[in-house]
PDB file of N, CA and C in Angstrom:
ATOM      1  N   UNK A   1       7.415  13.495  -7.376  1.00  0.00           N
ATOM      2  CA  UNK A   1       8.380  12.460  -7.166  1.00  0.00           C
ATOM      3  C   UNK A   1       7.753  11.120  -7.477  1.00  0.00           C
ATOM      4  N   UNK A   2       8.578  10.184  -7.865  1.00  0.00           N
ATOM      5  CA  UNK A   2       8.124   8.838  -8.147  1.00  0.00           C
ATOM      6  C   UNK A   2       8.651   7.881  -7.070  1.00  0.00           C
ATOM      7  N   UNK A   3       7.759   7.031  -6.585  1.00  0.00           N
ATOM      8  CA  UNK A   3       8.093   6.071  -5.555  1.00  0.00           C
ATOM      9  C   UNK A   3       7.794   4.665  -6.028  1.00  0.00           C
ATOM     10  N   UNK A   4       8.642   3.721  -5.621  1.00  0.00           N
ATOM     11  CA  UNK A   4       8.378   2.299  -5.856  1.00  0.00           C
ATOM     12  C   UNK A   4       8.365   1.638  -4.476  1.00  0.00           C
ATOM     13  N   UNK A   5       7.268   0.992  -4.166  1.00  0.00           N
ATOM     14  CA  UNK A   5       7.134   0.331  -2.866  1.00  0.00           C
ATOM     15  C   UNK A   5       7.914  -0.983  -2.905  1.00  0.00           C
ATOM     16  N   UNK A   6       8.760  -1.183  -1.888  1.00  0.00           N
ATOM     17  CA  UNK A   6       9.562  -2.409  -1.796  1.00  0.00           C
ATOM     18  C   UNK A   6       9.028  -3.362  -0.755  1.00  0.00           C
ATOM     19  N   UNK A   7       8.378  -2.854   0.267  1.00  0.00           N
ATOM     20  CA  UNK A   7       7.772  -3.659   1.315  1.00  0.00           C
ATOM     21  C   UNK A   7       6.544  -2.906   1.836  1.00  0.00           C
ATOM     22  N   UNK A   8       5.475  -3.652   2.085  1.00  0.00           N
ATOM     23  CA  UNK A   8       4.298  -3.012   2.657  1.00  0.00           C
ATOM     24  C   UNK A   8       3.533  -4.025   3.495  1.00  0.00           C
ATOM     25  N   UNK A   9       2.970  -3.529   4.584  1.00  0.00           N
ATOM     26  CA  UNK A   9       2.118  -4.355   5.437  1.00  0.00           C
ATOM     27  C   UNK A   9       0.827  -3.583   5.665  1.00  0.00           C
ATOM     28  N   UNK A  10      -0.283  -4.239   5.377  1.00  0.00           N
ATOM     29  CA  UNK A  10      -1.594  -3.631   5.560  1.00  0.00           C
ATOM     30  C   UNK A  10      -2.254  -4.210   6.820  1.00  0.00           C
ATOM     31  N   UNK A  11      -3.255  -3.482   7.305  1.00  0.00           N
ATOM     32  CA  UNK A  11      -4.153  -3.997   8.314  1.00  0.00           C
ATOM     33  C   UNK A  11      -5.367  -4.516   7.572  1.00  0.00           C
ATOM     34  N   UNK A  12      -5.409  -5.818   7.307  1.00  0.00           N
ATOM     35  CA  UNK A  12      -6.474  -6.414   6.518  1.00  0.00           C
ATOM     36  C   UNK A  12      -7.647  -6.890   7.370  1.00  0.00           C
ATOM     37  N   UNK A  13      -7.826  -6.291   8.549  1.00  0.00           N
ATOM     38  CA  UNK A  13      -8.996  -6.612   9.368  1.00  0.00           C
ATOM     39  C   UNK A  13      -9.926  -5.397   9.382  1.00  0.00           C
ATOM     40  N   UNK A  14     -11.198  -5.686   9.587  1.00  0.00           N
ATOM     41  CA  UNK A  14     -12.164  -4.595   9.686  1.00  0.00           C
ATOM     42  C   UNK A  14     -12.005  -3.905  11.030  1.00  0.00           C
ATOM     43  N   UNK A  15     -12.603  -2.724  11.149  1.00  0.00           N
ATOM     44  CA  UNK A  15     -12.483  -1.929  12.382  1.00  0.00           C
ATOM     45  C   UNK A  15     -12.935  -2.695  13.613  1.00  0.00           C
ATOM     46  N   UNK A  16     -13.946  -3.537  13.467  1.00  0.00           N
ATOM     47  CA  UNK A  16     -14.458  -4.283  14.613  1.00  0.00           C
ATOM     48  C   UNK A  16     -13.695  -5.580  14.842  1.00  0.00           C
ATOM     49  N   UNK A  17     -12.725  -5.900  13.964  1.00  0.00           N
ATOM     50  CA  UNK A  17     -11.925  -7.098  14.111  1.00  0.00           C
ATOM     51  C   UNK A  17     -12.648  -8.393  13.783  1.00  0.00           C
ATOM     52  N   UNK A  18     -13.828  -8.267  13.234  1.00  0.00           N
ATOM     53  CA  UNK A  18     -14.657  -9.437  12.940  1.00  0.00           C
ATOM     54  C   UNK A  18     -14.279 -10.150  11.647  1.00  0.00           C
ATOM     55  N   UNK A  19     -13.608  -9.466  10.761  1.00  0.00           N
ATOM     56  CA  UNK A  19     -13.358 -10.034   9.434  1.00  0.00           C
ATOM     57  C   UNK A  19     -11.930  -9.729   9.007  1.00  0.00           C
ATOM     58  N   UNK A  20     -11.266 -10.710   8.435  1.00  0.00           N
ATOM     59  CA  UNK A  20      -9.946 -10.485   7.826  1.00  0.00           C
ATOM     60  C   UNK A  20     -10.018 -10.946   6.382  1.00  0.00           C
ATOM     61  N   UNK A  21      -9.456 -10.144   5.494  1.00  0.00           N
ATOM     62  CA  UNK A  21      -9.455 -10.435   4.068  1.00  0.00           C
ATOM     63  C   UNK A  21      -8.726 -11.742   3.796  1.00  0.00           C
ATOM     64  N   UNK A  22      -9.242 -12.527   2.854  1.00  0.00           N
ATOM     65  CA  UNK A  22      -8.629 -13.803   2.489  1.00  0.00           C
ATOM     66  C   UNK A  22      -7.171 -13.593   2.065  1.00  0.00           C
ATOM     67  N   UNK A  23      -6.287 -14.537   2.421  1.00  0.00           N
ATOM     68  CA  UNK A  23      -4.870 -14.411   2.063  1.00  0.00           C
ATOM     69  C   UNK A  23      -4.614 -14.256   0.557  1.00  0.00           C
ATOM     70  N   UNK A  24      -5.380 -14.929  -0.282  1.00  0.00           N
ATOM     71  CA  UNK A  24      -5.175 -14.786  -1.735  1.00  0.00           C
ATOM     72  C   UNK A  24      -5.525 -13.372  -2.193  1.00  0.00           C
ATOM     73  N   UNK A  25      -6.527 -12.768  -1.602  1.00  0.00           N
ATOM     74  CA  UNK A  25      -6.905 -11.382  -1.948  1.00  0.00           C
ATOM     75  C   UNK A  25      -5.857 -10.410  -1.402  1.00  0.00           C
ATOM     76  N   UNK A  26      -5.325 -10.706  -0.217  1.00  0.00           N
ATOM     77  CA  UNK A  26      -4.275  -9.871   0.344  1.00  0.00           C
ATOM     78  C   UNK A  26      -3.085  -9.820  -0.601  1.00  0.00           C
ATOM     79  N   UNK A  27      -2.700 -10.993  -1.078  1.00  0.00           N
ATOM     80  CA  UNK A  27      -1.542 -11.094  -1.987  1.00  0.00           C
ATOM     81  C   UNK A  27      -1.791 -10.318  -3.271  1.00  0.00           C
ATOM     82  N   UNK A  28      -2.993 -10.384  -3.822  1.00  0.00           N
ATOM     83  CA  UNK A  28      -3.318  -9.638  -5.042  1.00  0.00           C
ATOM     84  C   UNK A  28      -3.154  -8.155  -4.823  1.00  0.00           C
ATOM     85  N   UNK A  29      -3.659  -7.653  -3.710  1.00  0.00           N
ATOM     86  CA  UNK A  29      -3.565  -6.215  -3.415  1.00  0.00           C
ATOM     87  C   UNK A  29      -2.105  -5.806  -3.253  1.00  0.00           C
ATOM     88  N   UNK A  30      -1.355  -6.578  -2.503  1.00  0.00           N
ATOM     89  CA  UNK A  30       0.057  -6.244  -2.276  1.00  0.00           C
ATOM     90  C   UNK A  30       0.832  -6.243  -3.600  1.00  0.00           C
ATOM     91  N   UNK A  31       0.588  -7.234  -4.431  1.00  0.00           N
ATOM     92  CA  UNK A  31       1.280  -7.287  -5.731  1.00  0.00           C
ATOM     93  C   UNK A  31       0.933  -6.097  -6.622  1.00  0.00           C
ATOM     94  N   UNK A  32      -0.319  -5.642  -6.596  1.00  0.00           N
ATOM     95  CA  UNK A  32      -0.697  -4.455  -7.375  1.00  0.00           C
ATOM     96  C   UNK A  32       0.051  -3.232  -6.892  1.00  0.00           C
ATOM     97  N   UNK A  33       0.232  -3.121  -5.583  1.00  0.00           N
ATOM     98  CA  UNK A  33       0.972  -1.977  -5.027  1.00  0.00           C
ATOM     99  C   UNK A  33       2.437  -2.038  -5.470  1.00  0.00           C
ATOM    100  N   UNK A  34       3.037  -3.232  -5.428  1.00  0.00           N
ATOM    101  CA  UNK A  34       4.424  -3.389  -5.855  1.00  0.00           C
ATOM    102  C   UNK A  34       4.599  -3.098  -7.350  1.00  0.00           C
ATOM    103  N   UNK A  35       3.598  -3.409  -8.157  1.00  0.00           N
ATOM    104  CA  UNK A  35       3.699  -3.244  -9.605  1.00  0.00           C
ATOM    105  C   UNK A  35       3.560  -1.796 -10.053  1.00  0.00           C
ATOM    106  N   UNK A  36       3.043  -0.938  -9.205  1.00  0.00           N
ATOM    107  CA  UNK A  36       2.826   0.462  -9.585  1.00  0.00           C
ATOM    108  C   UNK A  36       4.039   1.336  -9.262  1.00  0.00           C
ATOM    109  N   UNK A  37       4.211   2.348 -10.064  1.00  0.00           N
ATOM    110  CA  UNK A  37       5.105   3.462  -9.736  1.00  0.00           C
ATOM    111  C   UNK A  37       4.182   4.580  -9.298  1.00  0.00           C
ATOM    112  N   UNK A  38       4.366   5.063  -8.088  1.00  0.00           N
ATOM    113  CA  UNK A  38       3.466   6.032  -7.490  1.00  0.00           C
ATOM    114  C   UNK A  38       4.052   7.429  -7.655  1.00  0.00           C
ATOM    115  N   UNK A  39       3.335   8.297  -8.325  1.00  0.00           N
ATOM    116  CA  UNK A  39       3.799   9.666  -8.538  1.00  0.00           C
ATOM    117  C   UNK A  39       3.022  10.595  -7.591  1.00  0.00           C
ATOM    118  N   UNK A  40       3.696  10.954  -6.502  1.00  0.00           N
ATOM    119  CA  UNK A  40       3.122  11.811  -5.458  1.00  0.00           C
ATOM    120  C   UNK A  40       4.196  12.769  -4.952  1.00  0.00           C
ATOM    121  N   UNK A  41       3.796  13.685  -4.089  1.00  0.00           N
ATOM    122  CA  UNK A  41       4.721  14.717  -3.620  1.00  0.00           C
ATOM    123  C   UNK A  41       5.673  14.248  -2.527  1.00  0.00           C
ATOM    124  N   UNK A  42       5.189  13.365  -1.608  1.00  0.00           N
ATOM    125  CA  UNK A  42       6.020  12.962  -0.490  1.00  0.00           C
ATOM    126  C   UNK A  42       5.476  11.654   0.100  1.00  0.00           C
ATOM    127  N   UNK A  43       6.121  11.179   1.195  1.00  0.00           N
ATOM    128  CA  UNK A  43       5.736   9.904   1.797  1.00  0.00           C
ATOM    129  C   UNK A  43       4.298   9.939   2.310  1.00  0.00           C
ATOM    130  N   UNK A  44       3.869  11.032   2.894  1.00  0.00           N
ATOM    131  CA  UNK A  44       2.505  11.123   3.393  1.00  0.00           C
ATOM    132  C   UNK A  44       1.492  10.969   2.252  1.00  0.00           C
ATOM    133  N   UNK A  45       1.776  11.640   1.116  1.00  0.00           N
ATOM    134  CA  UNK A  45       0.907  11.489  -0.047  1.00  0.00           C
ATOM    135  C   UNK A  45       0.951  10.055  -0.591  1.00  0.00           C
ATOM    136  N   UNK A  46       2.103   9.415  -0.480  1.00  0.00           N
ATOM    137  CA  UNK A  46       2.218   8.037  -0.930  1.00  0.00           C
ATOM    138  C   UNK A  46       1.286   7.127  -0.130  1.00  0.00           C
ATOM    139  N   UNK A  47       1.347   7.240   1.189  1.00  0.00           N
ATOM    140  CA  UNK A  47       0.484   6.395   2.014  1.00  0.00           C
ATOM    141  C   UNK A  47      -0.998   6.716   1.776  1.00  0.00           C
ATOM    142  N   UNK A  48      -1.316   7.968   1.616  1.00  0.00           N
ATOM    143  CA  UNK A  48      -2.699   8.363   1.304  1.00  0.00           C
ATOM    144  C   UNK A  48      -3.158   7.773  -0.036  1.00  0.00           C
ATOM    145  N   UNK A  49      -2.301   7.859  -1.043  1.00  0.00           N
ATOM    146  CA  UNK A  49      -2.649   7.361  -2.374  1.00  0.00           C
ATOM    147  C   UNK A  49      -2.874   5.847  -2.356  1.00  0.00           C
ATOM    148  N   UNK A  50      -2.009   5.125  -1.650  1.00  0.00           N
ATOM    149  CA  UNK A  50      -2.145   3.676  -1.589  1.00  0.00           C
ATOM    150  C   UNK A  50      -3.376   3.276  -0.792  1.00  0.00           C
ATOM    151  N   UNK A  51      -3.631   3.967   0.299  1.00  0.00           N
ATOM    152  CA  UNK A  51      -4.849   3.680   1.089  1.00  0.00           C
ATOM    153  C   UNK A  51      -6.093   3.945   0.265  1.00  0.00           C
ATOM    154  N   UNK A  52      -6.108   5.052  -0.476  1.00  0.00           N
ATOM    155  CA  UNK A  52      -7.259   5.346  -1.341  1.00  0.00           C
ATOM    156  C   UNK A  52      -7.418   4.302  -2.430  1.00  0.00           C
ATOM    157  N   UNK A  53      -6.308   3.864  -3.008  1.00  0.00           N
ATOM    158  CA  UNK A  53      -6.311   2.885  -4.093  1.00  0.00           C
ATOM    159  C   UNK A  53      -6.798   1.502  -3.636  1.00  0.00           C
ATOM    160  N   UNK A  54      -6.336   1.082  -2.451  1.00  0.00           N
ATOM    161  CA  UNK A  54      -6.642  -0.275  -1.978  1.00  0.00           C
ATOM    162  C   UNK A  54      -7.869  -0.328  -1.076  1.00  0.00           C
ATOM    163  N   UNK A  55      -8.119   0.735  -0.342  1.00  0.00           N
ATOM    164  CA  UNK A  55      -9.203   0.725   0.632  1.00  0.00           C
ATOM    165  C   UNK A  55      -8.791   0.165   1.977  1.00  0.00           C
ATOM    166  N   UNK A  56      -7.483  -0.115   2.174  1.00  0.00           N
ATOM    167  CA  UNK A  56      -6.978  -0.683   3.436  1.00  0.00           C
ATOM    168  C   UNK A  56      -5.919   0.210   4.030  1.00  0.00           C
ATOM    169  N   UNK A  57      -5.867   0.257   5.363  1.00  0.00           N
ATOM    170  CA  UNK A  57      -4.862   1.073   6.050  1.00  0.00           C
ATOM    171  C   UNK A  57      -3.491   0.369   6.037  1.00  0.00           C
ATOM    172  N   UNK A  58      -2.456   1.173   5.994  1.00  0.00           N
ATOM    173  CA  UNK A  58      -1.097   0.681   5.961  1.00  0.00           C
ATOM    174  C   UNK A  58      -0.525   0.646   7.375  1.00  0.00           C
ATOM    175  N   UNK A  59       0.069  -0.481   7.735  1.00  0.00           N
ATOM    176  CA  UNK A  59       0.763  -0.609   9.022  1.00  0.00           C
ATOM    177  C   UNK A  59       2.224  -0.154   8.901  1.00  0.00           C
ATOM    178  N   UNK A  60       2.886  -0.568   7.817  1.00  0.00           N
ATOM    179  CA  UNK A  60       4.274  -0.184   7.595  1.00  0.00           C
ATOM    180  C   UNK A  60       4.553  -0.193   6.091  1.00  0.00           C
ATOM    181  N   UNK A  61       5.534   0.613   5.708  1.00  0.00           N
ATOM    182  CA  UNK A  61       5.877   0.715   4.306  1.00  0.00           C
ATOM    183  C   UNK A  61       7.359   1.070   4.130  1.00  0.00           C
ATOM    184  N   UNK A  62       7.981   0.462   3.144  1.00  0.00           N
ATOM    185  CA  UNK A  62       9.327   0.822   2.714  1.00  0.00           C
ATOM    186  C   UNK A  62       9.244   1.086   1.220  1.00  0.00           C
ATOM    187  N   UNK A  63      10.051   1.974   0.744  1.00  0.00           N
ATOM    188  CA  UNK A  63      10.000   2.363  -0.658  1.00  0.00           C
ATOM    189  C   UNK A  63      11.343   2.907  -1.082  1.00  0.00           C
ATOM    190  N   UNK A  64      11.448   3.083  -2.385  1.00  0.00           N
ATOM    191  CA  UNK A  64      12.624   3.785  -2.909  1.00  0.00           C
ATOM    192  C   UNK A  64      12.114   4.893  -3.814  1.00  0.00           C
ATOM    193  N   UNK A  65      12.871   5.955  -3.849  1.00  0.00           N
ATOM    194  CA  UNK A  65      12.532   7.098  -4.712  1.00  0.00           C
ATOM    195  C   UNK A  65      13.213   6.874  -6.050  1.00  0.00           C
ATOM    196  N   UNK A  66      12.460   7.029  -7.099  1.00  0.00           N
ATOM    197  CA  UNK A  66      13.019   6.862  -8.437  1.00  0.00           C
ATOM    198  C   UNK A  66      13.410   8.218  -8.963  1.00  0.00           C
ATOM    199  N   UNK A  67      14.686   8.355  -9.266  1.00  0.00           N
ATOM    200  CA  UNK A  67      15.195   9.616  -9.788  1.00  0.00           C
ATOM    201  C   UNK A  67      15.107   9.616 -11.292  1.00  0.00           C
ATOM    202  N   UNK A  68      14.664  10.707 -11.826  1.00  0.00           N
ATOM    203  CA  UNK A  68      14.518  10.824 -13.281  1.00  0.00           C
ATOM    204  C   UNK A  68      15.815  11.288 -13.911  1.00  0.00           C
TER     205      UNK A  68
END
């Protein structure tokens, strides 16, 4: 299935809460996610693929399924 992310919120802080990614870098990552069409099996695979791609955990996500 193909997914297009319409809204996403990441946790851009480190596990210890000591560091938060710069806002300009956050925006770059979010825009890259929006620009991609994600071809995965289901929503769980979508979140895994995006986390692997960005290196950041997802707090919330909205998407639409693209029908072929």
